[in-house]
Amino acid sequence: MLNFADKIDSRIFRIIAEACAHSGVSGFVIGGFVRDLLIGRVSKDVDIVVLGSGIKIARQVSEKMSPGTHVKYFKNFGTAMVRYKGWVVEFVGARKESYRKQSRKPIIEDGTLADDQNRRDFTINAMSLSLQKESYGDLLDPFNGMEDLKNKVIRTPLDPDITFSDDPLRMMRAVRFATQLDFEIEDETFKAIKRNSKRITIVSRERVIDELNKIVMTSKPSVGFKLLETSGLLQIIFPELSALKGVEIINRQAHKDNFYHTLQVLDNICLNTENLWLRWSAILHDIAKPVTKRYSPQTGWTFHGHEFVGAKMVPGIFKKMKLPLNDRMRYVQKLVLLHLRPIVLAQDIVTDSAIRRLLFDAGDDIDDLMTLCDADITSKNEARVKKYLKNFQLVRRKLKEVEESDKLRNWQPPVTGEMIMETFGIKPSKKVGDIKVAIREAILDGEIDNNFKDAYEFMLNLGSSMKLNVVSRISEPNNSSNIPLHEADDNIT
């Protein structure tokens, strides 16, 4: 019998053990904490299974802790959670579960430790450590989970078809653990995922996207997405991404496989950011290529306008997948829309005007946009990659120079619509909008400098050409420069 008492020799586990002994019940550390402890991953999320009332033990544990210990009860589920100095400990009574065909919500009965271990998703999550005085730290491993840990294998404790049919979310979890831990899914287990993939439709979108986001946040998410695609799950939960897969050949001319390109971009960007939404920008940057794909004998394969179509697809994808429909969605939408702009600049002579427009449109997200563009360089032609990266350095240098001189990040022109209306004595109208746009364009094109005096003079001349009379002159406001432009982030429809 393997013993790991030294691994749980801390105050919190001793208090739990004392509470169980005081109540005359057996308690065990079980699940993911045990798995992570045995492979050396740091974790403070602990599951405790009790052969009795988990809520009662949680209450006793919280009373023995410091006065500030927070405990939360979930009586409908028979569970309780204690938070203590960064630890999150969940208590539950041992139980056995049975399932109905069209629901992943189990019918629960009181059970033994063996019953509780039987209901676990994978062998590596079914191991437990005893908290009893006479066997403190003993490993209870009925399904050889320790061996699977050593061999880096994901395997179900019982028949995988039953395991996945009962709770189809476990298929997503298998892929997630394989990706997070760099494990292999055992062959029969993976075949069962393929057979049961359509069962994922009974799982709520919220639970599916929670698992998918955990895959996205791994160090190499392409592993997970390839498993999802091979298993048949991806076509069901994210058909737009699955549609990128494949290569079409006409007259010996082929385009690249945009599915694998997207996964390479995603892996590339994961080397530089923990930002979930920047990673989603990488996933969606080419999402419209299947619907914009065209072939011409003269030019070969094209995907003209895929950035514009892709930006329009983002809200629908976010809504369907239960991702947030707020500024995070708009951030992803903006990066999808703009992701070709720096690449085009890197191919051509970089003008100040083009740089101004990029700064204006990207705002504070310019650095993230450049990170996405760096990641998007996936050519197998090393010389081409080096050329792009070198040109990108020129773009970055010009961005810094123009930003320092013109202050265009999160900017709006120094003459506002209110000033235009007051000067010419007109009401809100298309003319006001036209004048505002003309001033903005003149500054971005470098025709006039970004200051109130030049912009106001330009406005007066433009108004004269439009036969508008000046009824009131305005002096320069004290805070006329660098006014934040919030509308710029929301102008994609």
Protein backbone atom coordinates (compact mmCIF):
# COMPACT_ATOMS: atom_id res chain seq x y z
CA MET A 1 0.00 0.00 0.00
CA LEU A 2 1.47 3.33 -1.09
CA ASN A 3 1.32 6.05 1.54
CA PHE A 4 1.50 9.81 0.94
CA ALA A 5 0.95 11.14 4.47
CA ASP A 6 3.85 13.54 3.98
CA LYS A 7 2.00 15.13 1.01
CA ILE A 8 -1.05 16.04 3.12
CA ASP A 9 0.75 16.94 6.33
CA SER A 10 -0.77 20.41 6.65
CA ARG A 11 -3.17 22.04 9.10
CA ILE A 12 -6.21 22.01 6.82
CA PHE A 13 -6.08 18.22 6.24
CA ARG A 14 -5.44 17.53 9.94
CA ILE A 15 -8.50 19.60 10.89
CA ILE A 16 -10.67 17.71 8.35
CA ALA A 17 -9.38 14.38 9.71
CA GLU A 18 -10.16 15.47 13.30
CA ALA A 19 -13.68 16.58 12.34
CA CYS A 20 -14.36 13.21 10.66
CA ALA A 21 -13.01 11.29 13.68
CA HIS A 22 -15.08 13.41 16.07
CA SER A 23 -18.24 12.59 14.08
CA GLY A 24 -17.36 8.93 13.72
CA VAL A 25 -17.28 8.99 9.91
CA SER A 26 -14.58 8.20 7.36
CA GLY A 27 -13.20 10.95 5.12
CA PHE A 28 -11.04 10.84 2.00
CA VAL A 29 -9.26 13.30 -0.28
CA ILE A 30 -10.34 12.36 -3.79
CA GLY A 31 -10.21 13.37 -7.45
CA GLY A 32 -8.16 16.03 -9.18
CA PHE A 33 -6.22 17.19 -6.12
CA VAL A 34 -4.83 13.67 -5.61
CA ARG A 35 -3.96 13.41 -9.31
CA ASP A 36 -2.17 16.78 -9.31
CA LEU A 37 -0.39 16.03 -6.04
CA LEU A 38 1.02 12.78 -7.47
CA ILE A 39 2.36 14.43 -10.64
CA GLY A 40 3.71 17.49 -8.85
CA ARG A 41 1.16 20.07 -10.00
CA VAL A 42 0.37 22.78 -7.46
CA SER A 43 -3.30 22.88 -6.52
CA LYS A 44 -5.40 24.24 -3.68
CA ASP A 45 -8.74 22.95 -4.97
CA VAL A 46 -9.63 19.93 -2.84
CA ASP A 47 -12.54 17.47 -2.96
CA ILE A 48 -13.40 15.61 0.24
CA VAL A 49 -15.77 12.66 0.17
CA VAL A 50 -17.32 11.61 3.48
CA LEU A 51 -19.10 8.37 4.35
CA GLY A 52 -21.84 10.44 5.93
CA SER A 53 -22.90 14.11 5.75
CA GLY A 54 -20.45 16.30 3.87
CA ILE A 55 -22.33 19.42 4.99
CA LYS A 56 -21.97 18.47 8.66
CA ILE A 57 -18.22 17.95 8.33
CA ALA A 58 -17.82 21.23 6.43
CA ARG A 59 -19.59 23.08 9.25
CA GLN A 60 -17.32 21.51 11.87
CA VAL A 61 -14.20 22.27 9.83
CA SER A 62 -15.18 25.91 9.38
CA GLU A 63 -15.72 26.24 13.16
CA LYS A 64 -12.23 24.88 13.86
CA MET A 65 -10.60 27.25 11.36
CA SER A 66 -9.94 30.95 11.96
CA PRO A 67 -13.01 33.20 12.52
CA GLY A 68 -12.81 34.59 8.98
CA THR A 69 -13.26 31.20 7.30
CA HIS A 70 -16.04 31.33 4.71
CA VAL A 71 -18.37 28.36 4.21
CA LYS A 72 -21.08 28.05 1.59
CA TYR A 73 -23.78 25.40 1.60
CA PHE A 74 -25.49 23.79 -1.40
CA LYS A 75 -28.17 21.78 0.37
CA ASN A 76 -29.95 20.79 -2.85
CA PHE A 77 -26.78 19.00 -3.94
CA GLY A 78 -25.71 17.85 -0.49
CA THR A 79 -22.41 19.70 -0.75
CA ALA A 80 -20.60 22.52 1.02
CA MET A 81 -17.54 24.61 0.21
CA VAL A 82 -14.98 26.05 2.63
CA ARG A 83 -12.55 28.79 1.62
CA TYR A 84 -9.43 29.24 3.75
CA LYS A 85 -6.22 31.13 2.90
CA GLY A 86 -6.42 30.38 -0.81
CA TRP A 87 -7.72 26.84 -0.32
CA VAL A 88 -11.09 25.88 -1.80
CA VAL A 89 -12.34 22.66 -0.17
CA GLU A 90 -15.59 21.02 -1.29
CA PHE A 91 -17.27 18.42 0.92
CA VAL A 92 -19.76 15.82 -0.29
CA GLY A 93 -21.21 12.59 1.04
CA ALA A 94 -20.22 9.40 -0.80
CA ARG A 95 -22.85 8.56 -3.40
CA LYS A 96 -23.71 6.41 -6.33
CA GLU A 97 -25.35 7.71 -9.49
CA SER A 98 -27.64 6.46 -12.23
CA TYR A 99 -28.66 8.29 -15.39
CA ARG A 100 -31.64 8.65 -17.71
CA LYS A 101 -31.14 8.59 -21.48
CA GLN A 102 -31.92 12.23 -22.28
CA SER A 103 -30.34 13.89 -19.25
CA ARG A 104 -26.87 14.16 -17.76
CA LYS A 105 -28.42 15.01 -14.39
CA PRO A 106 -27.91 11.90 -12.24
CA ILE A 107 -30.28 10.18 -9.84
CA ILE A 108 -28.28 10.21 -6.61
CA GLU A 109 -28.30 7.75 -3.71
CA ASP A 110 -26.09 7.42 -0.64
CA GLY A 111 -23.21 5.09 -1.36
CA THR A 112 -19.88 3.66 -0.32
CA LEU A 113 -16.39 4.89 -1.19
CA ALA A 114 -16.31 2.26 -3.95
CA ASP A 115 -19.60 3.63 -5.33
CA ASP A 116 -18.13 7.12 -5.33
CA GLN A 117 -14.97 6.02 -7.09
CA ASN A 118 -17.01 4.10 -9.67
CA ARG A 119 -18.85 7.27 -10.70
CA ARG A 120 -15.61 9.19 -11.41
CA ASP A 121 -14.82 10.08 -15.02
CA PHE A 122 -11.26 8.75 -15.37
CA THR A 123 -8.95 6.40 -13.52
CA ILE A 124 -6.54 9.22 -12.73
CA ASN A 125 -9.40 11.11 -11.04
CA ALA A 126 -10.72 8.13 -9.06
CA MET A 127 -7.79 7.82 -6.65
CA SER A 128 -8.23 8.84 -3.02
CA LEU A 129 -6.13 9.33 0.10
CA SER A 130 -7.38 8.16 3.50
CA LEU A 131 -7.82 10.69 6.32
CA GLN A 132 -8.36 8.02 9.00
CA LYS A 133 -5.85 8.00 11.84
CA GLU A 134 -4.79 4.38 11.35
CA SER A 135 -4.37 4.74 7.56
CA TYR A 136 -3.67 8.45 7.12
CA GLY A 137 -2.27 9.10 3.63
CA ASP A 138 -2.88 5.58 2.25
CA LEU A 139 -3.60 5.59 -1.50
CA LEU A 140 -6.83 3.85 -2.50
CA ASP A 141 -6.53 3.15 -6.23
CA PRO A 142 -9.07 0.55 -7.44
CA PHE A 143 -8.59 1.23 -11.18
CA ASN A 144 -4.77 1.47 -11.39
CA GLY A 145 -4.88 5.23 -11.84
CA MET A 146 -1.30 5.48 -10.57
CA GLU A 147 -0.17 3.28 -13.45
CA ASP A 148 -2.10 5.43 -15.94
CA LEU A 149 -0.44 8.53 -14.46
CA LYS A 150 2.98 6.98 -15.06
CA ASN A 151 2.02 6.00 -18.61
CA LYS A 152 0.30 9.34 -19.27
CA VAL A 153 -2.99 7.72 -20.26
CA ILE A 154 -6.59 8.94 -20.04
CA ARG A 155 -8.91 5.97 -19.42
CA THR A 156 -12.39 5.55 -17.95
CA PRO A 157 -12.79 3.40 -14.80
CA LEU A 158 -15.78 1.51 -16.21
CA ASP A 159 -17.13 0.80 -19.70
CA PRO A 160 -16.35 4.02 -21.65
CA ASP A 161 -19.59 3.80 -23.65
CA ILE A 162 -21.59 3.89 -20.42
CA THR A 163 -19.36 6.60 -18.92
CA PHE A 164 -19.76 8.93 -21.91
CA SER A 165 -23.40 8.15 -22.60
CA ASP A 166 -24.30 8.84 -18.94
CA ASP A 167 -22.50 12.20 -18.89
CA PRO A 168 -21.37 13.31 -22.37
CA LEU A 169 -19.45 16.30 -20.95
CA ARG A 170 -16.84 13.73 -19.90
CA MET A 171 -15.84 13.49 -23.57
CA MET A 172 -14.85 17.16 -23.52
CA ARG A 173 -13.07 16.62 -20.21
CA ALA A 174 -11.08 13.72 -21.70
CA VAL A 175 -9.83 16.01 -24.45
CA ARG A 176 -9.16 18.80 -21.97
CA PHE A 177 -7.10 16.60 -19.61
CA ALA A 178 -5.16 15.12 -22.53
CA THR A 179 -4.31 18.65 -23.67
CA GLN A 180 -3.54 20.09 -20.24
CA LEU A 181 -1.44 17.16 -19.02
CA ASP A 182 0.09 16.11 -22.36
CA PHE A 183 -1.48 12.64 -21.98
CA GLU A 184 -2.84 10.22 -24.58
CA ILE A 185 -6.48 9.11 -24.62
CA GLU A 186 -6.48 5.30 -24.44
CA ASP A 187 -7.58 3.74 -27.74
CA GLU A 188 -10.84 2.10 -26.61
CA THR A 189 -11.75 5.23 -24.66
CA PHE A 190 -11.24 7.41 -27.74
CA LYS A 191 -13.27 5.03 -29.93
CA ALA A 192 -16.10 5.37 -27.40
CA ILE A 193 -15.91 9.17 -27.72
CA LYS A 194 -16.34 8.81 -31.48
CA ARG A 195 -19.31 6.49 -31.02
CA ASN A 196 -20.98 8.78 -28.51
CA SER A 197 -20.04 12.19 -29.94
CA LYS A 198 -23.64 13.10 -30.85
CA ARG A 199 -24.61 12.76 -27.17
CA ILE A 200 -22.82 16.08 -26.55
CA THR A 201 -25.98 17.81 -27.78
CA ILE A 202 -27.74 17.13 -24.45
CA VAL A 203 -25.09 19.14 -22.58
CA SER A 204 -25.72 22.85 -22.05
CA ARG A 205 -23.72 25.28 -24.18
CA GLU A 206 -22.42 26.93 -20.99
CA ARG A 207 -20.78 23.70 -19.79
CA VAL A 208 -19.34 22.94 -23.23
CA ILE A 209 -17.80 26.40 -23.63
CA ASP A 210 -16.35 26.20 -20.12
CA GLU A 211 -14.42 23.07 -21.13
CA LEU A 212 -13.51 24.54 -24.53
CA ASN A 213 -12.09 27.68 -22.91
CA LYS A 214 -9.94 25.51 -20.64
CA ILE A 215 -8.56 23.83 -23.77
CA VAL A 216 -7.96 27.25 -25.36
CA MET A 217 -6.00 28.33 -22.27
CA THR A 218 -3.56 25.40 -22.38
CA SER A 219 0.01 25.88 -23.57
CA LYS A 220 -0.67 24.03 -26.84
CA PRO A 221 -4.42 24.09 -27.59
CA SER A 222 -3.97 22.68 -31.10
CA VAL A 223 -3.64 19.25 -29.47
CA GLY A 224 -7.15 19.55 -28.06
CA PHE A 225 -8.71 20.93 -31.23
CA LYS A 226 -7.23 18.11 -33.32
CA LEU A 227 -8.70 15.57 -30.88
CA LEU A 228 -12.06 17.33 -31.01
CA GLU A 229 -12.00 17.26 -34.80
CA THR A 230 -10.92 13.61 -35.08
CA SER A 231 -13.52 12.49 -32.55
CA GLY A 232 -16.39 14.23 -34.36
CA LEU A 233 -17.11 16.58 -31.45
CA LEU A 234 -15.85 19.72 -33.19
CA GLN A 235 -18.31 19.43 -36.08
CA ILE A 236 -21.11 19.46 -33.51
CA ILE A 237 -19.96 22.12 -31.04
CA PHE A 238 -18.07 24.44 -33.42
CA PRO A 239 -18.94 23.66 -37.07
CA GLU A 240 -17.56 26.99 -38.34
CA LEU A 241 -14.04 26.01 -37.23
CA SER A 242 -14.42 22.47 -38.55
CA ALA A 243 -15.43 23.92 -41.94
CA LEU A 244 -11.92 25.37 -42.33
CA LYS A 245 -10.48 21.87 -42.69
CA GLY A 246 -9.51 20.54 -46.08
CA VAL A 247 -7.69 21.51 -49.26
CA GLU A 248 -9.31 21.96 -52.67
CA ILE A 249 -7.25 21.53 -55.85
CA ILE A 250 -8.17 22.89 -59.29
CA ASN A 251 -5.74 22.85 -62.22
CA ARG A 252 -3.02 21.68 -59.84
CA GLN A 253 -3.49 24.82 -57.75
CA ALA A 254 -4.25 24.28 -54.07
CA HIS A 255 -4.87 26.58 -51.13
CA LYS A 256 -3.47 25.83 -47.67
CA ASP A 257 -5.52 23.93 -45.10
CA ASN A 258 -6.95 26.83 -43.11
CA PHE A 259 -7.89 24.60 -40.17
CA TYR A 260 -4.29 23.61 -39.47
CA HIS A 261 -3.10 27.12 -40.26
CA THR A 262 -5.52 28.49 -37.64
CA LEU A 263 -4.27 25.99 -35.06
CA GLN A 264 -0.68 27.01 -35.79
CA VAL A 265 -1.60 30.68 -35.32
CA LEU A 266 -3.30 29.79 -32.05
CA ASP A 267 -0.26 27.89 -30.77
CA ASN A 268 2.01 30.74 -31.88
CA ILE A 269 -0.01 33.33 -30.01
CA CYS A 270 -0.10 31.18 -26.88
CA LEU A 271 3.66 31.62 -26.61
CA ASN A 272 3.12 35.34 -25.99
CA THR A 273 -0.17 35.82 -24.14
CA GLU A 274 -2.47 34.45 -21.44
CA ASN A 275 -5.27 36.65 -22.82
CA LEU A 276 -8.23 34.34 -23.53
CA TRP A 277 -9.84 36.81 -25.93
CA LEU A 278 -6.67 37.40 -27.93
CA ARG A 279 -6.51 33.61 -28.28
CA TRP A 280 -10.12 33.63 -29.51
CA SER A 281 -9.11 36.29 -32.04
CA ALA A 282 -6.54 33.82 -33.37
CA ILE A 283 -9.20 31.09 -33.58
CA LEU A 284 -11.61 33.33 -35.50
CA HIS A 285 -9.27 35.45 -37.62
CA ASP A 286 -9.83 33.33 -40.77
CA ILE A 287 -13.25 31.94 -39.86
CA ALA A 288 -14.89 33.37 -43.02
CA LYS A 289 -12.47 31.80 -45.49
CA PRO A 290 -14.82 28.93 -46.42
CA VAL A 291 -17.59 31.36 -47.42
CA THR A 292 -15.27 33.77 -49.27
CA LYS A 293 -13.20 31.15 -51.11
CA ARG A 294 -13.07 31.69 -54.88
CA TYR A 295 -10.98 30.23 -57.70
CA SER A 296 -9.80 32.08 -60.78
CA PRO A 297 -7.53 30.57 -63.46
CA GLN A 298 -5.66 33.88 -63.58
CA THR A 299 -5.11 34.46 -59.83
CA GLY A 300 -5.70 31.05 -58.27
CA TRP A 301 -7.43 30.80 -54.90
CA THR A 302 -8.60 33.98 -53.15
CA PHE A 303 -10.43 34.81 -49.94
CA HIS A 304 -11.19 38.46 -50.62
CA GLY A 305 -13.00 40.25 -47.83
CA HIS A 306 -12.75 37.37 -45.36
CA GLU A 307 -11.77 39.82 -42.62
CA PHE A 308 -14.96 41.86 -43.12
CA VAL A 309 -17.22 38.81 -43.38
CA GLY A 310 -15.44 37.22 -40.41
CA ALA A 311 -16.01 40.29 -38.24
CA LYS A 312 -19.73 40.09 -39.04
CA MET A 313 -19.76 36.39 -38.09
CA VAL A 314 -18.25 36.95 -34.64
CA PRO A 315 -21.43 38.10 -32.80
CA GLY A 316 -23.42 35.12 -34.09
CA ILE A 317 -20.71 32.66 -33.07
CA PHE A 318 -20.38 34.23 -29.62
CA LYS A 319 -24.15 34.17 -29.12
CA LYS A 320 -24.52 30.55 -30.21
CA MET A 321 -21.61 29.38 -28.08
CA LYS A 322 -22.72 31.37 -25.01
CA LEU A 323 -19.62 33.54 -25.03
CA PRO A 324 -20.03 37.08 -23.65
CA LEU A 325 -21.75 39.60 -25.93
CA ASN A 326 -19.97 42.61 -24.45
CA ASP A 327 -16.71 44.48 -24.90
CA ARG A 328 -14.84 41.15 -25.08
CA MET A 329 -16.83 40.17 -28.15
CA ARG A 330 -16.27 43.60 -29.69
CA TYR A 331 -12.53 43.29 -28.98
CA VAL A 332 -12.38 39.96 -30.86
CA GLN A 333 -14.51 41.41 -33.64
CA LYS A 334 -12.17 44.37 -34.03
CA LEU A 335 -9.03 42.22 -34.23
CA VAL A 336 -10.65 39.90 -36.79
CA LEU A 337 -11.59 42.94 -38.89
CA LEU A 338 -8.12 44.52 -38.69
CA HIS A 339 -5.86 41.46 -38.77
CA LEU A 340 -4.77 41.97 -42.40
CA ARG A 341 -3.97 45.68 -42.09
CA PRO A 342 -0.47 45.42 -40.55
CA ILE A 343 0.35 42.54 -42.91
CA VAL A 344 -0.55 44.70 -45.92
CA LEU A 345 1.60 47.51 -44.51
CA ALA A 346 4.50 45.10 -44.12
CA GLN A 347 4.28 44.26 -47.82
CA ASP A 348 4.39 47.85 -49.04
CA ILE A 349 5.94 51.22 -48.34
CA VAL A 350 4.75 52.30 -44.91
CA THR A 351 3.23 55.78 -45.11
CA ASP A 352 2.45 57.99 -42.13
CA SER A 353 -1.14 58.23 -43.34
CA ALA A 354 -1.61 54.45 -43.28
CA ILE A 355 -0.02 54.27 -39.83
CA ARG A 356 -2.32 57.04 -38.54
CA ARG A 357 -5.39 55.18 -39.76
CA LEU A 358 -4.23 51.92 -38.19
CA LEU A 359 -3.60 53.65 -34.86
CA PHE A 360 -6.97 55.38 -35.05
CA ASP A 361 -8.88 52.19 -35.84
CA ALA A 362 -7.02 49.89 -33.42
CA GLY A 363 -6.76 52.28 -30.47
CA ASP A 364 -5.40 50.65 -27.32
CA ASP A 365 -5.60 47.24 -28.97
CA ILE A 366 -2.81 48.01 -31.46
CA ASP A 367 -0.22 45.97 -29.52
CA ASP A 368 -2.51 42.94 -29.36
CA LEU A 369 -3.24 43.34 -33.08
CA MET A 370 0.47 43.27 -33.87
CA THR A 371 0.89 40.17 -31.67
CA LEU A 372 -1.88 38.47 -33.66
CA CYS A 373 -0.24 39.44 -36.94
CA ASP A 374 3.13 38.09 -35.81
CA ALA A 375 1.43 34.79 -34.95
CA ASP A 376 -0.30 34.73 -38.34
CA ILE A 377 3.00 34.27 -40.19
CA THR A 378 3.05 30.48 -40.66
CA SER A 379 4.63 30.03 -44.09
CA LYS A 380 6.95 27.04 -44.56
CA ASN A 381 9.15 29.39 -46.60
CA GLU A 382 11.66 30.57 -43.99
CA ALA A 383 12.93 33.41 -46.18
CA ARG A 384 9.37 34.73 -46.56
CA VAL A 385 8.81 34.55 -42.79
CA LYS A 386 12.04 36.43 -42.10
CA LYS A 387 11.08 39.10 -44.64
CA TYR A 388 7.67 39.62 -43.04
CA LEU A 389 9.10 39.75 -39.53
CA LYS A 390 11.72 42.27 -40.65
CA ASN A 391 9.06 44.43 -42.31
CA PHE A 392 6.89 44.14 -39.20
CA GLN A 393 9.72 45.70 -37.21
CA LEU A 394 9.55 48.68 -39.58
CA VAL A 395 5.79 48.90 -39.06
CA ARG A 396 6.26 48.76 -35.28
CA ARG A 397 8.90 51.48 -35.42
CA LYS A 398 6.64 53.72 -37.52
CA LEU A 399 3.73 53.05 -35.15
CA LYS A 400 5.84 54.25 -32.25
CA GLU A 401 7.06 57.33 -34.10
CA VAL A 402 3.61 58.43 -35.29
CA GLU A 403 2.04 57.69 -31.90
CA GLU A 404 4.63 59.83 -30.16
CA SER A 405 4.20 62.74 -32.58
CA ASP A 406 0.46 62.64 -33.31
CA LYS A 407 -1.06 61.04 -30.18
CA LEU A 408 -3.69 59.17 -32.21
CA ARG A 409 -4.35 56.22 -29.92
CA ASN A 410 -7.95 56.44 -28.63
CA TRP A 411 -8.29 59.84 -30.26
CA GLN A 412 -11.01 62.00 -31.72
CA PRO A 413 -10.57 65.19 -33.76
CA PRO A 414 -10.10 68.40 -31.75
CA VAL A 415 -13.28 69.97 -33.25
CA THR A 416 -16.47 68.32 -31.97
CA GLY A 417 -19.95 68.14 -33.45
CA GLU A 418 -21.18 70.60 -30.82
CA MET A 419 -18.54 73.13 -31.92
CA ILE A 420 -19.58 72.74 -35.57
CA MET A 421 -23.27 73.32 -34.74
CA GLU A 422 -22.52 76.35 -32.55
CA THR A 423 -20.18 77.93 -35.12
CA PHE A 424 -22.62 77.65 -38.01
CA GLY A 425 -25.85 77.83 -36.02
CA ILE A 426 -27.14 74.51 -37.37
CA LYS A 427 -28.92 71.56 -35.78
CA PRO A 428 -27.77 67.91 -35.75
CA SER A 429 -27.74 66.81 -39.37
CA LYS A 430 -25.84 64.97 -42.08
CA LYS A 431 -23.83 68.15 -42.74
CA VAL A 432 -22.42 68.03 -39.20
CA GLY A 433 -21.36 64.42 -39.70
CA ASP A 434 -19.82 65.17 -43.08
CA ILE A 435 -17.74 68.01 -41.62
CA LYS A 436 -16.57 65.83 -38.71
CA VAL A 437 -15.50 63.08 -41.10
CA ALA A 438 -13.71 65.56 -43.38
CA ILE A 439 -11.73 66.97 -40.44
CA ARG A 440 -10.81 63.49 -39.25
CA GLU A 441 -9.72 62.40 -42.73
CA ALA A 442 -7.65 65.55 -43.24
CA ILE A 443 -5.73 64.89 -40.02
CA LEU A 444 -5.26 61.19 -40.77
CA ASP A 445 -4.02 62.01 -44.27
CA GLY A 446 -1.59 64.58 -42.90
CA GLU A 447 -3.23 67.52 -44.70
CA ILE A 448 -3.49 69.42 -41.41
CA ASP A 449 -1.87 68.95 -38.02
CA ASN A 450 -3.72 67.37 -35.11
CA ASN A 451 -4.53 70.56 -33.19
CA PHE A 452 -7.56 72.80 -32.61
CA LYS A 453 -6.29 75.84 -34.52
CA ASP A 454 -5.64 74.01 -37.81
CA ALA A 455 -8.75 71.83 -37.51
CA TYR A 456 -11.01 74.83 -36.77
CA GLU A 457 -9.60 76.81 -39.70
CA PHE A 458 -10.14 73.78 -41.95
CA MET A 459 -13.74 73.58 -40.69
CA LEU A 460 -14.39 77.27 -41.46
CA ASN A 461 -13.10 76.87 -45.03
CA LEU A 462 -15.15 73.72 -45.54
CA GLY A 463 -18.26 75.41 -44.14
CA SER A 464 -17.78 78.30 -46.54
CA SER A 465 -17.61 75.91 -49.50
CA MET A 466 -20.86 74.37 -48.25
CA LYS A 467 -22.44 77.87 -48.09
CA LEU A 468 -22.72 77.82 -44.28
CA ASN A 469 -22.59 81.14 -42.43
CA VAL A 470 -20.50 81.65 -39.30
CA VAL A 471 -22.75 82.84 -36.49
CA SER A 472 -20.36 82.37 -33.59
CA ARG A 473 -16.61 81.85 -33.24
CA ILE A 474 -15.27 79.50 -30.59
CA SER A 475 -11.97 79.81 -28.74
CA GLU A 476 -9.77 76.78 -28.16
CA PRO A 477 -10.92 74.72 -25.15
CA ASN A 478 -8.33 73.89 -22.49
CA ASN A 479 -8.76 70.12 -22.94
CA SER A 480 -9.11 70.01 -26.72
CA SER A 481 -6.42 67.42 -27.43
CA ASN A 482 -6.36 63.69 -26.87
CA ILE A 483 -10.05 63.29 -26.08
CA PRO A 484 -10.84 59.54 -25.76
CA LEU A 485 -12.83 58.16 -28.64
CA HIS A 486 -15.11 55.43 -27.33
CA GLU A 487 -17.25 55.15 -30.47
CA ALA A 488 -14.29 53.85 -32.49
CA ASP A 489 -14.47 50.51 -30.68
CA ASP A 490 -18.13 50.00 -31.48
CA ASN A 491 -18.46 50.89 -35.14
CA ILE A 492 -18.43 47.36 -36.60
CA THR A 493 -21.82 46.10 -37.71
